[in-house]
Amino acid sequence: MKSASAVAAAATPDFAAWCRDTAAGIELALSESLPGADVVPARLHEAMRYASLGGGKRVRPLLVHASAGVSGASQRSTMAAACAVELIHAYSLVHDDLPCMDDDDVRRGRPTVHVAFDEALAMLVGDGLQALAFGLLGEAGLAEPELPTAALVAELATAAGSGGMVGGQAIDIESVGRRLERDALERMHRRKTGALLRASVRLGWMAGPAAASDAAGGRALDAYADAIGLAFQVIDDVLDVEGDSATLGKTAGKDSEAGKPTYVSIMGLDEARSLALALRDEAHRALERFGDRAERLAQLADLIVLRKS
């Protein structure tokens, strides 16, 4: 297990400042990438901005930046990948909250998109955000011909599609009211939650020159990403039980009320927390070969596991 001083690293002023400053840069880049709220069709664009700006932990784009710091990716390609993965995440939340899915009225402490606007527009918001994500990667490739654009697009598409996030969501819907064995639950969440987190790490790595000459480094980051991707969901399940709606910014206890299988329902709170800590340690071990270059990735692993929202 990590020492207490190492665990506290995630709360250091330096890391907090990096998260704050990087998130502010992501917010600005997203705002500039999204169509203006006065551009026709104005209501759609207003809703797209509402869904994407002014909230969220920005964990996925922070992972892109941290991984890009290891690979030596340019600022332009890093920000394009960071915005792309965050737009995919934002679209998934808009659709996830719809009445035909999880039917939630609150997201990030404010009304969900279909409540603030309407259900049909929320569907189109998700569609528009997804298209914009891939457009940003394409534009980055046009600006930097040496960027492996096709590989980046394929990576994000795979993570977001039926073999990843969307497929995991479909399995989640089919599993309501059923008891899943732990290995089946893990397979579902490695798709539903883990795939996009894994892609975040991989996109930052693939965008830099180090990726072409360090296959072992890529495998180490994959191991790191697999560990934090699962840990993120385990902690989500814990917070769904222990957290309150005001802190979480969404409805607490929603999964248990809906009869969804979770790590807490299968393992109990204590075992679920122990699993998350073990996954965090696994993530740190995977980063050892990078030394101080992977400091931000290590701190993000701590943040994911120790978070309260």
Protein backbone atom coordinates (compact mmCIF):
# COMPACT_ATOMS: atom_id res chain seq x y z
CA MET A 1 0.00 0.00 0.00
CA LYS A 2 1.10 3.59 -0.54
CA SER A 3 2.37 5.67 2.35
CA ALA A 4 0.19 8.34 3.87
CA SER A 5 2.43 11.04 2.38
CA ALA A 6 2.05 9.55 -1.08
CA VAL A 7 -1.71 9.35 -0.74
CA ALA A 8 -1.77 13.00 0.30
CA ALA A 9 0.01 13.96 -2.94
CA ALA A 10 -3.33 14.23 -4.72
CA ALA A 11 -4.24 17.13 -2.44
CA THR A 12 -1.00 19.15 -2.78
CA PRO A 13 -1.35 22.79 -3.83
CA ASP A 14 0.78 22.10 -6.90
CA PHE A 15 -1.53 19.35 -8.13
CA ALA A 16 -4.65 21.32 -7.27
CA ALA A 17 -3.29 24.29 -9.23
CA TRP A 18 -2.46 22.06 -12.19
CA CYS A 19 -5.98 20.62 -12.19
CA ARG A 20 -7.53 24.06 -11.89
CA ASP A 21 -5.39 25.66 -14.60
CA THR A 22 -5.69 22.71 -16.98
CA ALA A 23 -9.46 22.51 -16.49
CA ALA A 24 -9.72 26.25 -17.17
CA GLY A 25 -7.82 25.76 -20.43
CA ILE A 26 -10.13 22.88 -21.37
CA GLU A 27 -13.19 25.01 -20.59
CA LEU A 28 -11.90 27.80 -22.84
CA ALA A 29 -11.05 25.37 -25.66
CA LEU A 30 -14.48 23.73 -25.42
CA SER A 31 -16.19 27.12 -25.47
CA GLU A 32 -14.27 28.12 -28.58
CA SER A 33 -14.92 24.78 -30.29
CA LEU A 34 -18.67 24.69 -29.68
CA PRO A 35 -20.91 26.73 -31.98
CA GLY A 36 -22.07 30.00 -30.46
CA ALA A 37 -25.48 30.10 -28.84
CA ASP A 38 -26.54 32.68 -31.43
CA VAL A 39 -25.61 30.49 -34.41
CA VAL A 40 -28.56 28.87 -36.21
CA PRO A 41 -30.05 26.56 -35.01
CA ALA A 42 -29.57 28.69 -31.92
CA ARG A 43 -31.56 26.62 -29.42
CA LEU A 44 -29.65 23.44 -30.31
CA HIS A 45 -26.32 25.21 -29.94
CA GLU A 46 -27.40 26.80 -26.66
CA ALA A 47 -28.25 23.33 -25.35
CA MET A 48 -24.96 21.86 -26.58
CA ARG A 49 -23.09 24.54 -24.66
CA TYR A 50 -25.29 23.99 -21.60
CA ALA A 51 -24.42 20.28 -21.65
CA SER A 52 -20.67 20.78 -22.05
CA LEU A 53 -19.62 23.93 -20.20
CA GLY A 54 -19.51 25.13 -16.62
CA GLY A 55 -19.36 21.87 -14.71
CA GLY A 56 -17.91 18.43 -14.25
CA LYS A 57 -14.68 17.08 -12.82
CA ARG A 58 -12.97 16.97 -16.24
CA VAL A 59 -11.17 13.78 -15.21
CA ARG A 60 -11.01 12.42 -18.76
CA PRO A 61 -9.40 15.46 -20.38
CA LEU A 62 -7.07 15.79 -17.39
CA LEU A 63 -5.95 12.22 -18.08
CA VAL A 64 -5.31 13.14 -21.71
CA HIS A 65 -3.10 16.04 -20.61
CA ALA A 66 -1.23 13.95 -18.04
CA SER A 67 -0.57 11.17 -20.53
CA ALA A 68 0.47 13.67 -23.21
CA GLY A 69 3.01 15.00 -20.74
CA VAL A 70 4.62 11.57 -20.73
CA SER A 71 4.54 11.13 -24.51
CA GLY A 72 5.63 14.64 -25.52
CA ALA A 73 2.48 15.46 -27.51
CA SER A 74 2.01 19.01 -28.77
CA GLN A 75 -0.34 21.38 -26.99
CA ARG A 76 -2.61 21.58 -30.05
CA SER A 77 -3.06 17.82 -30.40
CA THR A 78 -3.37 17.36 -26.65
CA MET A 79 -6.17 19.90 -26.36
CA ALA A 80 -7.98 18.51 -29.41
CA ALA A 81 -7.93 15.01 -27.91
CA ALA A 82 -8.91 16.32 -24.48
CA CYS A 83 -11.90 18.23 -25.87
CA ALA A 84 -12.92 15.30 -28.07
CA VAL A 85 -13.06 12.83 -25.21
CA GLU A 86 -14.91 15.30 -22.98
CA LEU A 87 -17.51 15.93 -25.68
CA ILE A 88 -18.11 12.19 -25.99
CA HIS A 89 -18.49 12.02 -22.22
CA ALA A 90 -20.89 14.99 -22.20
CA TYR A 91 -23.02 13.45 -24.93
CA SER A 92 -23.19 10.16 -23.01
CA LEU A 93 -24.47 11.96 -19.91
CA VAL A 94 -27.16 13.79 -21.87
CA HIS A 95 -28.46 10.52 -23.32
CA ASP A 96 -27.99 8.62 -20.05
CA ASP A 97 -30.26 11.09 -18.24
CA LEU A 98 -33.14 10.75 -20.71
CA PRO A 99 -36.47 9.32 -19.50
CA CYS A 100 -35.97 6.23 -21.68
CA MET A 101 -32.62 5.56 -19.96
CA ASP A 102 -31.88 6.49 -16.33
CA ASP A 103 -34.55 9.23 -16.23
CA ASP A 104 -32.68 11.74 -14.07
CA ASP A 105 -33.62 15.38 -13.50
CA VAL A 106 -30.31 16.62 -12.06
CA ARG A 107 -26.79 16.54 -13.45
CA ARG A 108 -23.81 18.53 -12.16
CA GLY A 109 -26.12 20.28 -9.70
CA ARG A 110 -28.55 21.69 -12.26
CA PRO A 111 -31.47 20.46 -14.39
CA THR A 112 -30.54 17.87 -16.98
CA VAL A 113 -30.67 18.87 -20.65
CA HIS A 114 -34.03 17.28 -21.39
CA VAL A 115 -35.52 19.10 -18.37
CA ALA A 116 -33.92 22.47 -19.15
CA PHE A 117 -34.84 22.19 -22.83
CA ASP A 118 -36.83 19.17 -24.04
CA GLU A 119 -36.39 15.48 -24.72
CA ALA A 120 -36.15 15.65 -28.51
CA LEU A 121 -33.57 18.42 -28.37
CA ALA A 122 -31.55 16.45 -25.80
CA MET A 123 -31.28 13.59 -28.29
CA LEU A 124 -29.98 15.99 -30.92
CA VAL A 125 -27.56 17.58 -28.45
CA GLY A 126 -25.92 14.21 -27.89
CA ASP A 127 -25.72 13.59 -31.63
CA GLY A 128 -24.18 17.01 -32.23
CA LEU A 129 -21.58 16.66 -29.47
CA GLN A 130 -20.50 13.27 -30.75
CA ALA A 131 -20.00 14.54 -34.30
CA LEU A 132 -18.07 17.58 -33.05
CA ALA A 133 -15.70 15.34 -31.07
CA PHE A 134 -14.52 13.52 -34.16
CA GLY A 135 -14.39 16.75 -36.13
CA LEU A 136 -11.91 18.19 -33.62
CA LEU A 137 -9.58 15.22 -34.05
CA GLY A 138 -9.79 15.59 -37.81
CA GLU A 139 -8.97 19.29 -37.64
CA ALA A 140 -5.97 18.56 -35.43
CA GLY A 141 -4.71 16.10 -38.02
CA LEU A 142 -5.06 18.67 -40.80
CA ALA A 143 -3.01 21.14 -38.71
CA GLU A 144 -0.36 18.54 -37.80
CA PRO A 145 0.15 16.08 -40.69
CA GLU A 146 2.49 13.96 -38.58
CA LEU A 147 -0.27 13.23 -36.06
CA PRO A 148 -1.64 9.65 -36.29
CA THR A 149 -5.13 11.01 -36.87
CA ALA A 150 -6.71 7.82 -38.19
CA ALA A 151 -5.46 5.88 -35.17
CA LEU A 152 -6.77 8.52 -32.77
CA VAL A 153 -10.20 8.55 -34.42
CA ALA A 154 -10.34 4.74 -34.39
CA GLU A 155 -9.33 4.67 -30.72
CA LEU A 156 -12.07 7.07 -29.66
CA ALA A 157 -14.69 5.42 -31.88
CA THR A 158 -13.93 1.99 -30.44
CA ALA A 159 -14.10 3.30 -26.87
CA ALA A 160 -17.40 5.06 -27.49
CA GLY A 161 -19.11 2.38 -29.56
CA SER A 162 -20.81 -0.96 -29.03
CA GLY A 163 -17.54 -2.60 -28.02
CA GLY A 164 -17.05 0.06 -25.36
CA MET A 165 -19.22 2.67 -23.64
CA VAL A 166 -22.45 2.17 -25.60
CA GLY A 167 -22.15 -1.60 -25.36
CA GLY A 168 -21.61 -1.37 -21.62
CA GLN A 169 -24.67 0.82 -21.30
CA ALA A 170 -26.74 -1.74 -23.22
CA ILE A 171 -25.57 -4.51 -20.88
CA ASP A 172 -26.39 -2.26 -17.91
CA ILE A 173 -29.97 -1.82 -19.13
CA GLU A 174 -30.37 -5.57 -19.63
CA SER A 175 -29.05 -6.21 -16.11
CA VAL A 176 -31.60 -4.17 -14.15
CA GLY A 177 -33.22 -6.35 -11.51
CA ARG A 178 -30.70 -9.15 -12.03
CA ARG A 179 -27.80 -10.24 -9.87
CA LEU A 180 -24.56 -10.36 -11.82
CA GLU A 181 -21.51 -12.31 -10.78
CA ARG A 182 -18.48 -10.14 -10.10
CA ASP A 183 -16.68 -11.06 -13.34
CA ALA A 184 -19.77 -10.17 -15.40
CA LEU A 185 -20.12 -6.86 -13.55
CA GLU A 186 -16.46 -6.12 -14.25
CA ARG A 187 -16.85 -6.85 -17.96
CA MET A 188 -19.81 -4.49 -18.12
CA HIS A 189 -18.03 -1.64 -16.38
CA ARG A 190 -14.79 -2.03 -18.30
CA ARG A 191 -16.96 -1.07 -21.26
CA LYS A 192 -19.47 1.37 -19.77
CA THR A 193 -17.04 3.45 -17.70
CA GLY A 194 -13.55 2.07 -18.24
CA ALA A 195 -13.38 2.25 -22.03
CA LEU A 196 -13.54 6.03 -22.26
CA LEU A 197 -11.13 6.51 -19.36
CA ARG A 198 -8.73 4.08 -21.03
CA ALA A 199 -9.08 5.97 -24.32
CA SER A 200 -8.28 9.22 -22.51
CA VAL A 201 -4.93 7.85 -21.40
CA ARG A 202 -4.24 6.24 -24.76
CA LEU A 203 -5.11 9.34 -26.81
CA GLY A 204 -2.63 11.49 -24.90
CA TRP A 205 0.04 8.82 -25.32
CA MET A 206 -0.65 8.12 -29.01
CA ALA A 207 -0.51 11.82 -29.89
CA GLY A 208 3.13 12.14 -28.82
CA PRO A 209 6.38 10.99 -30.43
CA ALA A 210 7.29 8.63 -27.57
CA ALA A 211 4.48 6.26 -28.55
CA ALA A 212 6.21 5.29 -31.80
CA SER A 213 9.37 4.06 -30.07
CA ASP A 214 8.19 2.76 -26.69
CA ALA A 215 5.77 -0.14 -27.04
CA ALA A 216 6.45 -1.23 -23.46
CA GLY A 217 5.47 2.22 -22.27
CA GLY A 218 2.18 1.91 -24.10
CA ARG A 219 1.48 -1.42 -22.42
CA ALA A 220 2.28 0.06 -19.01
CA LEU A 221 -0.16 2.91 -19.59
CA ASP A 222 -2.80 0.43 -20.72
CA ALA A 223 -2.38 -1.40 -17.41
CA TYR A 224 -2.66 1.90 -15.55
CA ALA A 225 -5.76 2.87 -17.51
CA ASP A 226 -7.46 -0.48 -16.97
CA ALA A 227 -6.93 -0.15 -13.22
CA ILE A 228 -8.22 3.40 -12.85
CA GLY A 229 -11.11 2.75 -15.23
CA LEU A 230 -12.47 0.03 -12.98
CA ALA A 231 -11.62 1.94 -9.79
CA PHE A 232 -13.61 4.92 -11.01
CA GLN A 233 -16.77 2.81 -11.30
CA VAL A 234 -16.22 1.09 -7.96
CA ILE A 235 -16.03 4.47 -6.25
CA ASP A 236 -19.08 5.66 -8.20
CA ASP A 237 -20.98 2.71 -6.74
CA VAL A 238 -19.73 3.54 -3.25
CA LEU A 239 -20.70 7.20 -3.57
CA ASP A 240 -24.15 6.26 -4.87
CA VAL A 241 -24.72 4.70 -1.45
CA GLU A 242 -22.72 7.01 0.83
CA GLY A 243 -22.99 10.36 -0.95
CA ASP A 244 -25.71 12.96 -0.95
CA SER A 245 -27.28 14.58 -3.99
CA ALA A 246 -25.93 18.06 -3.21
CA THR A 247 -22.34 16.84 -3.06
CA LEU A 248 -22.62 14.47 -6.02
CA GLY A 249 -24.44 16.96 -8.22
CA LYS A 250 -26.81 14.17 -9.27
CA THR A 251 -29.46 12.02 -7.60
CA ALA A 252 -27.90 9.84 -4.91
CA GLY A 253 -29.11 6.28 -4.44
CA LYS A 254 -30.39 6.10 -8.01
CA ASP A 255 -28.73 2.78 -8.88
CA SER A 256 -29.99 0.91 -5.83
CA GLU A 257 -33.51 2.25 -6.33
CA ALA A 258 -33.44 1.11 -9.96
CA GLY A 259 -32.29 -2.39 -8.97
CA LYS A 260 -29.00 -2.11 -10.83
CA PRO A 261 -26.19 -4.51 -9.90
CA THR A 262 -23.25 -2.62 -8.36
CA TYR A 263 -20.00 -3.45 -6.62
CA VAL A 264 -21.59 -2.46 -3.33
CA SER A 265 -24.60 -4.74 -3.85
CA ILE A 266 -22.30 -7.64 -4.68
CA MET A 267 -19.36 -7.03 -2.33
CA GLY A 268 -20.54 -4.63 0.34
CA LEU A 269 -19.11 -1.18 1.10
CA ASP A 270 -15.91 -2.26 2.85
CA GLU A 271 -14.86 -4.75 0.20
CA ALA A 272 -15.70 -2.33 -2.58
CA ARG A 273 -13.51 0.36 -1.02
CA SER A 274 -10.70 -2.17 -0.53
CA LEU A 275 -10.95 -3.15 -4.18
CA ALA A 276 -10.69 0.50 -5.25
CA LEU A 277 -7.57 0.98 -3.11
CA ALA A 278 -6.01 -2.18 -4.55
CA LEU A 279 -6.71 -0.94 -8.08
CA ARG A 280 -5.10 2.39 -7.23
CA ASP A 281 -1.96 0.58 -6.08
CA GLU A 282 -2.02 -1.46 -9.29
CA ALA A 283 -2.17 1.77 -11.27
CA HIS A 284 0.82 3.20 -9.41
CA ARG A 285 2.89 0.09 -10.02
CA ALA A 286 2.19 0.33 -13.74
CA LEU A 287 3.67 3.84 -13.76
CA GLU A 288 6.96 2.99 -12.05
CA ARG A 289 8.96 2.77 -15.29
CA PHE A 290 8.20 6.43 -16.07
CA GLY A 291 9.44 7.90 -12.80
CA ASP A 292 8.60 11.56 -12.18
CA ARG A 293 7.25 11.98 -15.73
CA ALA A 294 4.09 10.18 -14.63
CA GLU A 295 3.53 12.20 -11.45
CA ARG A 296 0.28 13.73 -12.71
CA LEU A 297 -1.08 10.33 -13.74
CA ALA A 298 -0.26 8.97 -10.27
CA GLN A 299 -1.99 11.92 -8.62
CA LEU A 300 -5.04 11.47 -10.82
CA ALA A 301 -5.24 7.83 -9.74
CA ASP A 302 -5.37 9.02 -6.13
CA LEU A 303 -7.96 11.64 -6.99
CA ILE A 304 -10.21 9.08 -8.66
CA VAL A 305 -10.15 6.73 -5.69
CA LEU A 306 -10.22 9.29 -2.87
CA ARG A 307 -12.86 11.61 -4.35
CA LYS A 308 -16.10 12.44 -2.57
CA SER A 309 -18.17 13.32 -5.63
